[in-house]
Amino acid sequence: MLLLPGWQNSGEWHWQTLWEAYYGDRRVDQHDWMTPRRGDWMAQLEEAVLAHAAGPEAARPLLLAAHSLGCHLVAAWAAHSQNAARAAGALLVAPPDTEQDDWPGVLPSWRQPLRQALPFQTLVLSSTDDPYDRGGRAATLAAAWGATHVSLGTRGHVNADSGLGLWPQGRAYLRSLLDER
């Protein structure tokens, strides 16, 4: 499992950090969490995917669990990588609306989302009161990515502030990706 945090990384009580500690999932570290460049992040993900393919767990299916900007990372990487088929599935949680008027100025390379079907099973989970998706465009992104969309109701940005803890429901969604193969 590769964990793909969003802008500014995932903090101590974020479900991704808890999954890393509890399940031993691997976080894809980025060189710059504060002013990320899409190409740099894509290169880090590519390296992590290739390391998985060359490592002792290569025979096990590779799953991606992305949050926020990490969702857009998965879409951009899959559109450009020759190794996208190595991923068995992706859980994309709380993709932000990068075309929102108040999109942060330090994220210019992320402004235009890639909107093409992903070559693996994908679930997009979103919240109806996510401040980074006020227009509710997560469902539209899911359709463009060829993904199944699931609304989690009112869960904010589906992060540590949402009070999810270890988030067993999220883990069940992730496991369901393998059932669909």
N, C-alpha and C. Protein backbone atom coordinates (compact mmCIF):
# COMPACT_ATOMS: atom_id res chain seq x y z
N MET A 1 0.83 -1.17 0.00
CA MET A 1 0.00 0.00 0.00
C MET A 1 0.88 1.24 0.00
N LEU A 2 0.60 2.12 -0.93
CA LEU A 2 1.29 3.41 -0.95
C LEU A 2 0.31 4.49 -0.52
N LEU A 3 0.71 5.29 0.45
CA LEU A 3 -0.09 6.40 0.94
C LEU A 3 0.39 7.68 0.27
N LEU A 4 -0.56 8.43 -0.27
CA LEU A 4 -0.25 9.65 -1.00
C LEU A 4 -0.96 10.83 -0.35
N PRO A 5 -0.29 11.49 0.59
CA PRO A 5 -0.90 12.65 1.24
C PRO A 5 -1.03 13.83 0.27
N GLY A 6 -1.79 14.78 0.70
CA GLY A 6 -1.98 15.99 -0.08
C GLY A 6 -1.02 17.09 0.34
N TRP A 7 -1.37 18.29 -0.08
CA TRP A 7 -0.57 19.48 0.21
C TRP A 7 -0.33 19.59 1.71
N GLN A 8 0.87 19.83 2.11
CA GLN A 8 1.32 20.00 3.49
C GLN A 8 1.41 18.69 4.28
N ASN A 9 1.25 17.55 3.58
CA ASN A 9 1.40 16.23 4.19
C ASN A 9 0.21 15.92 5.11
N SER A 10 0.21 14.74 5.68
CA SER A 10 -0.84 14.33 6.61
C SER A 10 -0.27 14.31 8.01
N GLY A 11 -0.95 14.99 8.91
CA GLY A 11 -0.48 15.15 10.28
C GLY A 11 -0.62 13.92 11.15
N GLU A 12 -0.28 14.10 12.40
CA GLU A 12 -0.17 13.00 13.38
C GLU A 12 -1.45 12.18 13.54
N TRP A 13 -2.62 12.81 13.48
CA TRP A 13 -3.88 12.10 13.73
C TRP A 13 -4.69 11.86 12.46
N HIS A 14 -4.07 12.10 11.32
CA HIS A 14 -4.73 11.85 10.03
C HIS A 14 -4.81 10.34 9.82
N TRP A 15 -5.89 9.87 9.18
CA TRP A 15 -6.05 8.44 8.95
C TRP A 15 -4.88 7.84 8.19
N GLN A 16 -4.24 8.58 7.27
CA GLN A 16 -3.10 8.03 6.54
C GLN A 16 -1.93 7.76 7.48
N THR A 17 -1.68 8.67 8.39
CA THR A 17 -0.58 8.50 9.35
C THR A 17 -0.88 7.31 10.27
N LEU A 18 -2.13 7.19 10.68
CA LEU A 18 -2.51 6.08 11.54
C LEU A 18 -2.40 4.75 10.79
N TRP A 19 -2.79 4.73 9.52
CA TRP A 19 -2.64 3.51 8.72
C TRP A 19 -1.17 3.14 8.56
N GLU A 20 -0.32 4.14 8.37
CA GLU A 20 1.10 3.89 8.22
C GLU A 20 1.65 3.20 9.48
N ALA A 21 1.27 3.73 10.65
CA ALA A 21 1.76 3.18 11.91
C ALA A 21 1.14 1.82 12.22
N TYR A 22 -0.15 1.66 11.99
CA TYR A 22 -0.86 0.45 12.39
C TYR A 22 -0.69 -0.70 11.39
N TYR A 23 -0.83 -0.39 10.11
CA TYR A 23 -0.79 -1.44 9.08
C TYR A 23 0.57 -1.57 8.39
N GLY A 24 1.45 -0.61 8.60
CA GLY A 24 2.75 -0.67 7.95
C GLY A 24 2.72 -0.20 6.50
N ASP A 25 1.69 0.56 6.12
CA ASP A 25 1.63 1.10 4.77
C ASP A 25 2.78 2.08 4.56
N ARG A 26 3.13 2.30 3.31
CA ARG A 26 4.28 3.15 3.00
C ARG A 26 3.83 4.51 2.45
N ARG A 27 4.24 5.55 3.12
CA ARG A 27 3.97 6.92 2.67
C ARG A 27 4.98 7.28 1.57
N VAL A 28 4.49 7.86 0.50
CA VAL A 28 5.38 8.38 -0.53
C VAL A 28 5.76 9.78 -0.10
N ASP A 29 7.01 9.92 0.33
CA ASP A 29 7.49 11.23 0.78
C ASP A 29 7.80 12.12 -0.41
N GLN A 30 7.50 13.37 -0.25
CA GLN A 30 7.76 14.37 -1.29
C GLN A 30 8.88 15.29 -0.83
N HIS A 31 9.60 15.84 -1.79
CA HIS A 31 10.68 16.77 -1.45
C HIS A 31 10.16 18.08 -0.91
N ASP A 32 8.99 18.49 -1.38
CA ASP A 32 8.45 19.79 -0.98
C ASP A 32 6.95 19.66 -0.75
N TRP A 33 6.56 19.65 0.52
CA TRP A 33 5.15 19.54 0.86
C TRP A 33 4.44 20.89 0.81
N MET A 34 5.18 21.98 0.87
CA MET A 34 4.56 23.30 0.98
C MET A 34 4.32 24.00 -0.37
N THR A 35 5.23 23.82 -1.30
CA THR A 35 5.07 24.40 -2.65
C THR A 35 5.31 23.31 -3.69
N PRO A 36 4.41 22.34 -3.72
CA PRO A 36 4.62 21.16 -4.57
C PRO A 36 4.49 21.45 -6.06
N ARG A 37 5.34 20.81 -6.81
CA ARG A 37 5.24 20.86 -8.27
C ARG A 37 4.76 19.48 -8.72
N ARG A 38 3.78 19.50 -9.59
CA ARG A 38 3.15 18.25 -10.01
C ARG A 38 4.16 17.25 -10.58
N GLY A 39 5.05 17.71 -11.43
CA GLY A 39 6.04 16.81 -12.03
C GLY A 39 6.95 16.17 -11.00
N ASP A 40 7.36 16.94 -9.99
CA ASP A 40 8.21 16.40 -8.93
C ASP A 40 7.46 15.31 -8.15
N TRP A 41 6.22 15.58 -7.83
CA TRP A 41 5.44 14.60 -7.08
C TRP A 41 5.21 13.33 -7.91
N MET A 42 4.97 13.50 -9.20
CA MET A 42 4.78 12.35 -10.08
C MET A 42 6.03 11.49 -10.12
N ALA A 43 7.20 12.13 -10.15
CA ALA A 43 8.46 11.38 -10.17
C ALA A 43 8.64 10.57 -8.89
N GLN A 44 8.27 11.14 -7.75
CA GLN A 44 8.38 10.41 -6.48
C GLN A 44 7.45 9.20 -6.45
N LEU A 45 6.24 9.37 -6.97
CA LEU A 45 5.31 8.24 -7.03
C LEU A 45 5.84 7.17 -7.97
N GLU A 46 6.36 7.58 -9.11
CA GLU A 46 6.92 6.61 -10.06
C GLU A 46 8.03 5.80 -9.40
N GLU A 47 8.92 6.46 -8.68
CA GLU A 47 10.01 5.76 -7.99
C GLU A 47 9.47 4.76 -6.97
N ALA A 48 8.42 5.15 -6.24
CA ALA A 48 7.84 4.26 -5.23
C ALA A 48 7.20 3.04 -5.89
N VAL A 49 6.53 3.24 -7.02
CA VAL A 49 5.90 2.13 -7.73
C VAL A 49 6.97 1.17 -8.25
N LEU A 50 8.04 1.70 -8.80
CA LEU A 50 9.13 0.86 -9.30
C LEU A 50 9.83 0.13 -8.16
N ALA A 51 9.98 0.79 -7.01
CA ALA A 51 10.59 0.13 -5.85
C ALA A 51 9.71 -1.03 -5.38
N HIS A 52 8.41 -0.85 -5.40
CA HIS A 52 7.50 -1.95 -5.04
C HIS A 52 7.67 -3.12 -6.00
N ALA A 53 7.74 -2.81 -7.30
CA ALA A 53 7.86 -3.84 -8.33
C ALA A 53 9.17 -4.62 -8.20
N ALA A 54 10.21 -3.99 -7.67
CA ALA A 54 11.51 -4.64 -7.54
C ALA A 54 11.73 -5.25 -6.16
N GLY A 55 10.79 -5.00 -5.24
CA GLY A 55 10.98 -5.43 -3.86
C GLY A 55 10.38 -6.79 -3.56
N PRO A 56 10.49 -7.19 -2.30
CA PRO A 56 10.02 -8.52 -1.88
C PRO A 56 8.51 -8.69 -1.95
N GLU A 57 7.75 -7.59 -1.98
CA GLU A 57 6.30 -7.69 -2.03
C GLU A 57 5.76 -7.51 -3.45
N ALA A 58 6.61 -7.64 -4.44
CA ALA A 58 6.22 -7.40 -5.83
C ALA A 58 5.05 -8.28 -6.28
N ALA A 59 4.91 -9.46 -5.71
CA ALA A 59 3.83 -10.37 -6.12
C ALA A 59 2.48 -9.95 -5.55
N ARG A 60 2.50 -9.10 -4.54
CA ARG A 60 1.25 -8.64 -3.93
C ARG A 60 0.69 -7.46 -4.71
N PRO A 61 -0.64 -7.36 -4.81
CA PRO A 61 -1.25 -6.23 -5.54
C PRO A 61 -0.87 -4.90 -4.88
N LEU A 62 -0.60 -3.92 -5.71
CA LEU A 62 -0.24 -2.59 -5.22
C LEU A 62 -1.49 -1.71 -5.20
N LEU A 63 -1.81 -1.19 -4.03
CA LEU A 63 -2.93 -0.27 -3.87
C LEU A 63 -2.42 1.11 -3.52
N LEU A 64 -3.13 2.12 -3.97
CA LEU A 64 -2.81 3.51 -3.69
C LEU A 64 -3.93 4.09 -2.84
N ALA A 65 -3.59 4.79 -1.77
CA ALA A 65 -4.58 5.47 -0.94
C ALA A 65 -4.18 6.94 -0.88
N ALA A 66 -4.93 7.76 -1.60
CA ALA A 66 -4.59 9.17 -1.74
C ALA A 66 -5.60 10.05 -1.01
N HIS A 67 -5.10 11.17 -0.51
CA HIS A 67 -5.98 12.16 0.12
C HIS A 67 -5.73 13.52 -0.52
N SER A 68 -6.80 14.24 -0.77
CA SER A 68 -6.76 15.62 -1.23
C SER A 68 -5.93 15.78 -2.50
N LEU A 69 -4.88 16.58 -2.47
CA LEU A 69 -4.07 16.79 -3.66
C LEU A 69 -3.44 15.49 -4.15
N GLY A 70 -3.26 14.53 -3.25
CA GLY A 70 -2.75 13.22 -3.64
C GLY A 70 -3.65 12.53 -4.65
N CYS A 71 -4.95 12.84 -4.65
CA CYS A 71 -5.88 12.28 -5.64
C CYS A 71 -5.51 12.77 -7.04
N HIS A 72 -5.21 14.06 -7.13
CA HIS A 72 -4.81 14.63 -8.42
C HIS A 72 -3.44 14.11 -8.84
N LEU A 73 -2.60 13.80 -7.87
CA LEU A 73 -1.31 13.18 -8.18
C LEU A 73 -1.53 11.84 -8.87
N VAL A 74 -2.43 11.02 -8.34
CA VAL A 74 -2.69 9.70 -8.93
C VAL A 74 -3.17 9.87 -10.37
N ALA A 75 -4.09 10.80 -10.61
CA ALA A 75 -4.61 11.01 -11.96
C ALA A 75 -3.52 11.47 -12.92
N ALA A 76 -2.68 12.39 -12.47
CA ALA A 76 -1.60 12.91 -13.33
C ALA A 76 -0.57 11.82 -13.61
N TRP A 77 -0.19 11.09 -12.57
CA TRP A 77 0.78 10.01 -12.74
C TRP A 77 0.27 8.94 -13.69
N ALA A 78 -0.99 8.52 -13.50
CA ALA A 78 -1.55 7.47 -14.34
C ALA A 78 -1.64 7.89 -15.80
N ALA A 79 -1.84 9.18 -16.04
CA ALA A 79 -1.94 9.68 -17.42
C ALA A 79 -0.60 9.69 -18.13
N HIS A 80 0.50 9.69 -17.37
CA HIS A 80 1.82 9.83 -17.98
C HIS A 80 2.76 8.63 -17.80
N SER A 81 2.48 7.79 -16.83
CA SER A 81 3.40 6.70 -16.51
C SER A 81 3.16 5.46 -17.37
N GLN A 82 4.25 4.83 -17.74
CA GLN A 82 4.16 3.54 -18.42
C GLN A 82 3.99 2.40 -17.40
N ASN A 83 4.00 2.75 -16.13
CA ASN A 83 3.89 1.76 -15.06
C ASN A 83 2.56 1.81 -14.33
N ALA A 84 1.60 2.57 -14.84
CA ALA A 84 0.31 2.70 -14.16
C ALA A 84 -0.40 1.37 -13.99
N ALA A 85 -0.20 0.45 -14.91
CA ALA A 85 -0.86 -0.85 -14.83
C ALA A 85 -0.34 -1.69 -13.65
N ARG A 86 0.74 -1.27 -13.05
CA ARG A 86 1.26 -1.99 -11.88
C ARG A 86 0.37 -1.79 -10.65
N ALA A 87 -0.46 -0.75 -10.68
CA ALA A 87 -1.38 -0.49 -9.56
C ALA A 87 -2.64 -1.33 -9.76
N ALA A 88 -3.07 -1.97 -8.70
CA ALA A 88 -4.29 -2.78 -8.76
C ALA A 88 -5.53 -1.94 -8.50
N GLY A 89 -5.36 -0.83 -7.79
CA GLY A 89 -6.50 0.01 -7.48
C GLY A 89 -6.09 1.23 -6.69
N ALA A 90 -7.04 2.17 -6.62
CA ALA A 90 -6.77 3.42 -5.89
C ALA A 90 -8.01 3.87 -5.13
N LEU A 91 -7.78 4.28 -3.91
CA LEU A 91 -8.79 4.91 -3.07
C LEU A 91 -8.45 6.39 -3.06
N LEU A 92 -9.30 7.21 -3.64
CA LEU A 92 -9.06 8.65 -3.75
C LEU A 92 -10.05 9.36 -2.83
N VAL A 93 -9.53 9.96 -1.77
CA VAL A 93 -10.37 10.53 -0.72
C VAL A 93 -10.27 12.05 -0.72
N ALA A 94 -11.42 12.69 -0.84
CA ALA A 94 -11.55 14.14 -0.75
C ALA A 94 -10.74 14.90 -1.80
N PRO A 95 -10.92 14.58 -3.08
CA PRO A 95 -10.19 15.37 -4.09
C PRO A 95 -10.67 16.82 -4.08
N PRO A 96 -9.77 17.76 -4.00
CA PRO A 96 -10.19 19.16 -3.97
C PRO A 96 -10.56 19.66 -5.36
N ASP A 97 -11.34 20.70 -5.38
CA ASP A 97 -11.70 21.36 -6.63
C ASP A 97 -10.58 22.35 -6.95
N THR A 98 -9.69 21.96 -7.84
CA THR A 98 -8.52 22.79 -8.16
C THR A 98 -8.89 24.02 -8.97
N GLU A 99 -10.14 24.08 -9.43
CA GLU A 99 -10.58 25.24 -10.20
C GLU A 99 -11.41 26.21 -9.35
N GLN A 100 -11.49 25.95 -8.05
CA GLN A 100 -12.18 26.83 -7.12
C GLN A 100 -11.49 28.20 -7.12
N ASP A 101 -12.26 29.26 -6.98
CA ASP A 101 -11.72 30.63 -7.05
C ASP A 101 -10.59 30.90 -6.05
N ASP A 102 -10.66 30.29 -4.89
CA ASP A 102 -9.65 30.57 -3.86
C ASP A 102 -8.55 29.51 -3.82
N TRP A 103 -8.29 28.87 -4.98
CA TRP A 103 -7.22 27.87 -5.04
C TRP A 103 -5.91 28.53 -4.64
N PRO A 104 -5.12 27.91 -3.76
CA PRO A 104 -3.88 28.54 -3.27
C PRO A 104 -2.89 28.87 -4.40
N GLY A 105 -2.34 30.05 -4.35
CA GLY A 105 -1.40 30.52 -5.37
C GLY A 105 -0.10 29.73 -5.41
N VAL A 106 0.24 29.01 -4.34
CA VAL A 106 1.48 28.23 -4.34
C VAL A 106 1.32 26.90 -5.05
N LEU A 107 0.14 26.64 -5.61
CA LEU A 107 -0.13 25.37 -6.28
C LEU A 107 -0.50 25.55 -7.75
N PRO A 108 0.23 26.37 -8.49
CA PRO A 108 -0.19 26.66 -9.87
C PRO A 108 -0.14 25.46 -10.81
N SER A 109 0.79 24.54 -10.61
CA SER A 109 0.91 23.42 -11.54
C SER A 109 -0.22 22.40 -11.38
N TRP A 110 -1.03 22.58 -10.35
CA TRP A 110 -2.14 21.66 -10.09
C TRP A 110 -3.48 22.23 -10.52
N ARG A 111 -3.50 23.45 -11.01
CA ARG A 111 -4.75 24.15 -11.31
C ARG A 111 -5.65 23.39 -12.28
N GLN A 112 -5.08 22.83 -13.35
CA GLN A 112 -5.88 22.10 -14.34
C GLN A 112 -5.82 20.60 -14.04
N PRO A 113 -6.93 20.04 -13.58
CA PRO A 113 -6.92 18.60 -13.28
C PRO A 113 -6.91 17.76 -14.55
N LEU A 114 -6.28 16.61 -14.48
CA LEU A 114 -6.34 15.66 -15.60
C LEU A 114 -7.64 14.89 -15.48
N ARG A 115 -8.31 14.77 -16.60
CA ARG A 115 -9.65 14.15 -16.59
C ARG A 115 -9.71 13.00 -17.59
N GLN A 116 -8.94 11.97 -17.34
CA GLN A 116 -9.04 10.79 -18.19
C GLN A 116 -9.16 9.56 -17.31
N ALA A 117 -9.75 8.53 -17.88
CA ALA A 117 -10.01 7.31 -17.12
C ALA A 117 -8.71 6.70 -16.59
N LEU A 118 -8.77 6.26 -15.36
CA LEU A 118 -7.62 5.61 -14.73
C LEU A 118 -7.63 4.14 -15.11
N PRO A 119 -6.45 3.54 -15.29
CA PRO A 119 -6.37 2.15 -15.78
C PRO A 119 -6.47 1.10 -14.69
N PHE A 120 -7.07 1.44 -13.56
CA PHE A 120 -7.23 0.49 -12.46
C PHE A 120 -8.52 0.81 -11.72
N GLN A 121 -8.98 -0.14 -10.92
CA GLN A 121 -10.18 0.06 -10.11
C GLN A 121 -9.97 1.27 -9.21
N THR A 122 -10.97 2.15 -9.18
CA THR A 122 -10.83 3.37 -8.39
C THR A 122 -12.13 3.71 -7.70
N LEU A 123 -12.01 4.08 -6.43
CA LEU A 123 -13.12 4.62 -5.65
C LEU A 123 -12.78 6.05 -5.26
N VAL A 124 -13.71 6.96 -5.48
CA VAL A 124 -13.56 8.33 -5.03
C VAL A 124 -14.55 8.55 -3.90
N LEU A 125 -14.03 8.91 -2.74
CA LEU A 125 -14.86 9.20 -1.57
C LEU A 125 -14.81 10.70 -1.32
N SER A 126 -15.99 11.28 -1.11
CA SER A 126 -16.02 12.72 -0.85
C SER A 126 -17.08 13.04 0.20
N SER A 127 -17.01 14.25 0.67
CA SER A 127 -17.91 14.75 1.70
C SER A 127 -18.76 15.88 1.12
N THR A 128 -19.95 16.01 1.61
CA THR A 128 -20.84 17.06 1.11
C THR A 128 -20.53 18.44 1.67
N ASP A 129 -19.67 18.49 2.69
CA ASP A 129 -19.32 19.79 3.27
C ASP A 129 -17.80 20.03 3.28
N ASP A 130 -17.13 19.52 2.27
CA ASP A 130 -15.69 19.69 2.15
C ASP A 130 -15.40 21.14 1.74
N PRO A 131 -14.65 21.89 2.54
CA PRO A 131 -14.37 23.28 2.19
C PRO A 131 -13.47 23.43 0.96
N TYR A 132 -12.80 22.35 0.55
CA TYR A 132 -11.94 22.40 -0.63
C TYR A 132 -12.65 21.88 -1.87
N ASP A 133 -13.93 21.57 -1.72
CA ASP A 133 -14.77 21.16 -2.84
C ASP A 133 -16.19 21.70 -2.63
N ARG A 134 -16.26 23.00 -2.47
CA ARG A 134 -17.56 23.63 -2.19
C ARG A 134 -18.56 23.42 -3.31
N GLY A 135 -18.09 23.27 -4.54
CA GLY A 135 -18.98 23.07 -5.67
C GLY A 135 -19.41 21.63 -5.87
N GLY A 136 -18.90 20.71 -5.06
CA GLY A 136 -19.27 19.30 -5.16
C GLY A 136 -18.80 18.65 -6.46
N ARG A 137 -17.62 19.01 -6.92
CA ARG A 137 -17.12 18.49 -8.19
C ARG A 137 -16.45 17.12 -8.09
N ALA A 138 -16.35 16.58 -6.89
CA ALA A 138 -15.71 15.26 -6.73
C ALA A 138 -16.43 14.20 -7.56
N ALA A 139 -17.75 14.25 -7.62
CA ALA A 139 -18.50 13.27 -8.40
C ALA A 139 -18.18 13.41 -9.89
N THR A 140 -18.00 14.64 -10.36
CA THR A 140 -17.65 14.88 -11.76
C THR A 140 -16.26 14.34 -12.06
N LEU A 141 -15.33 14.56 -11.13
CA LEU A 141 -13.97 14.02 -11.30
C LEU A 141 -14.02 12.49 -11.32
N ALA A 142 -14.79 11.92 -10.42
CA ALA A 142 -14.90 10.45 -10.38
C ALA A 142 -15.38 9.91 -11.72
N ALA A 143 -16.38 10.55 -12.30
CA ALA A 143 -16.89 10.11 -13.61
C ALA A 143 -15.80 10.21 -14.67
N ALA A 144 -15.06 11.32 -14.69
CA ALA A 144 -13.99 11.49 -15.68
C ALA A 144 -12.89 10.46 -15.49
N TRP A 145 -12.63 10.08 -14.25
CA TRP A 145 -11.59 9.11 -13.96
C TRP A 145 -12.07 7.67 -14.12
N GLY A 146 -13.34 7.47 -14.46
CA GLY A 146 -13.89 6.13 -14.60
C GLY A 146 -14.03 5.43 -13.26
N ALA A 147 -14.22 6.20 -12.22
CA ALA A 147 -14.26 5.69 -10.85
C ALA A 147 -15.69 5.61 -10.33
N THR A 148 -15.85 4.82 -9.30
CA THR A 148 -17.09 4.80 -8.55
C THR A 148 -17.02 5.90 -7.50
N HIS A 149 -18.08 6.69 -7.39
CA HIS A 149 -18.11 7.78 -6.41
C HIS A 149 -18.99 7.38 -5.24
N VAL A 150 -18.51 7.66 -4.03
CA VAL A 150 -19.26 7.41 -2.80
C VAL A 150 -19.26 8.69 -1.98
N SER A 151 -20.44 9.14 -1.62
CA SER A 151 -20.55 10.30 -0.73
C SER A 151 -20.54 9.81 0.71
N LEU A 152 -19.71 10.42 1.53
CA LEU A 152 -19.60 10.06 2.94
C LEU A 152 -20.49 10.93 3.82
N GLY A 153 -21.31 11.77 3.20
CA GLY A 153 -22.14 12.69 3.97
C GLY A 153 -21.32 13.88 4.44
N THR A 154 -21.60 14.37 5.62
CA THR A 154 -20.90 15.54 6.15
C THR A 154 -19.69 15.10 6.97
N ARG A 155 -18.53 15.09 6.34
CA ARG A 155 -17.29 14.67 6.99
C ARG A 155 -16.17 15.68 6.81
N GLY A 156 -16.51 16.91 6.38
CA GLY A 156 -15.48 17.91 6.18
C GLY A 156 -14.51 17.47 5.09
N HIS A 157 -13.22 17.67 5.33
CA HIS A 157 -12.21 17.32 4.34
C HIS A 157 -11.71 15.88 4.51
N VAL A 158 -12.41 15.10 5.29
CA VAL A 158 -12.10 13.68 5.53
C VAL A 158 -10.63 13.54 5.96
N ASN A 159 -10.31 14.30 6.98
CA ASN A 159 -8.94 14.33 7.51
C ASN A 159 -8.98 14.18 9.03
N ALA A 160 -7.93 14.56 9.70
CA ALA A 160 -7.87 14.43 11.16
C ALA A 160 -9.00 15.21 11.84
N ASP A 161 -9.36 16.37 11.30
CA ASP A 161 -10.43 17.17 11.87
C ASP A 161 -11.79 16.49 11.78
N SER A 162 -11.90 15.48 10.94
CA SER A 162 -13.15 14.75 10.78
C SER A 162 -13.36 13.70 11.87
N GLY A 163 -12.33 13.49 12.70
CA GLY A 163 -12.44 12.56 13.82
C GLY A 163 -12.59 11.11 13.42
N LEU A 164 -11.93 10.70 12.34
CA LEU A 164 -12.08 9.34 11.82
C LEU A 164 -11.23 8.31 12.56
N GLY A 165 -10.18 8.75 13.22
CA GLY A 165 -9.29 7.80 13.88
C GLY A 165 -8.66 6.87 12.87
N LEU A 166 -8.60 5.60 13.19
CA LEU A 166 -8.00 4.59 12.30
C LEU A 166 -8.88 4.33 11.07
N TRP A 167 -10.09 4.79 11.08
CA TRP A 167 -11.04 4.76 9.97
C TRP A 167 -11.19 3.38 9.34
N PRO A 168 -11.78 2.44 10.07
CA PRO A 168 -11.98 1.10 9.53
C PRO A 168 -12.89 1.08 8.30
N GLN A 169 -13.85 2.01 8.21
CA GLN A 169 -14.70 2.07 7.03
C GLN A 169 -13.87 2.37 5.78
N GLY A 170 -12.90 3.28 5.90
CA GLY A 170 -12.02 3.58 4.77
C GLY A 170 -11.21 2.37 4.36
N ARG A 171 -10.76 1.62 5.34
CA ARG A 171 -9.98 0.41 5.05
C ARG A 171 -10.85 -0.62 4.33
N ALA A 172 -12.12 -0.71 4.71
CA ALA A 172 -13.04 -1.63 4.03
C ALA A 172 -13.25 -1.21 2.58
N TYR A 173 -13.37 0.09 2.35
CA TYR A 173 -13.47 0.58 0.96
C TYR A 173 -12.22 0.18 0.17
N LEU A 174 -11.08 0.31 0.80
CA LEU A 174 -9.83 -0.04 0.14
C LEU A 174 -9.78 -1.53 -0.22
N ARG A 175 -10.14 -2.38 0.72
CA ARG A 175 -10.16 -3.82 0.47
C ARG A 175 -11.13 -4.19 -0.65
N SER A 176 -12.22 -3.44 -0.77
CA SER A 176 -13.21 -3.75 -1.80
C SER A 176 -12.62 -3.60 -3.21
N LEU A 177 -11.58 -2.81 -3.35
CA LEU A 177 -10.94 -2.66 -4.66
C LEU A 177 -10.35 -3.98 -5.14
N LEU A 178 -9.86 -4.78 -4.21
CA LEU A 178 -9.31 -6.09 -4.59
C LEU A 178 -10.42 -7.08 -4.93
N ASP A 179 -11.58 -6.92 -4.30
CA ASP A 179 -12.70 -7.80 -4.58
C ASP A 179 -13.24 -7.58 -6.00
N GLU A 180 -13.07 -6.37 -6.51
CA GLU A 180 -13.61 -6.01 -7.82
C GLU A 180 -12.70 -6.45 -8.97
N ARG A 181 -11.51 -6.91 -8.67
CA ARG A 181 -10.56 -7.31 -9.73
C ARG A 181 -10.99 -8.56 -10.42
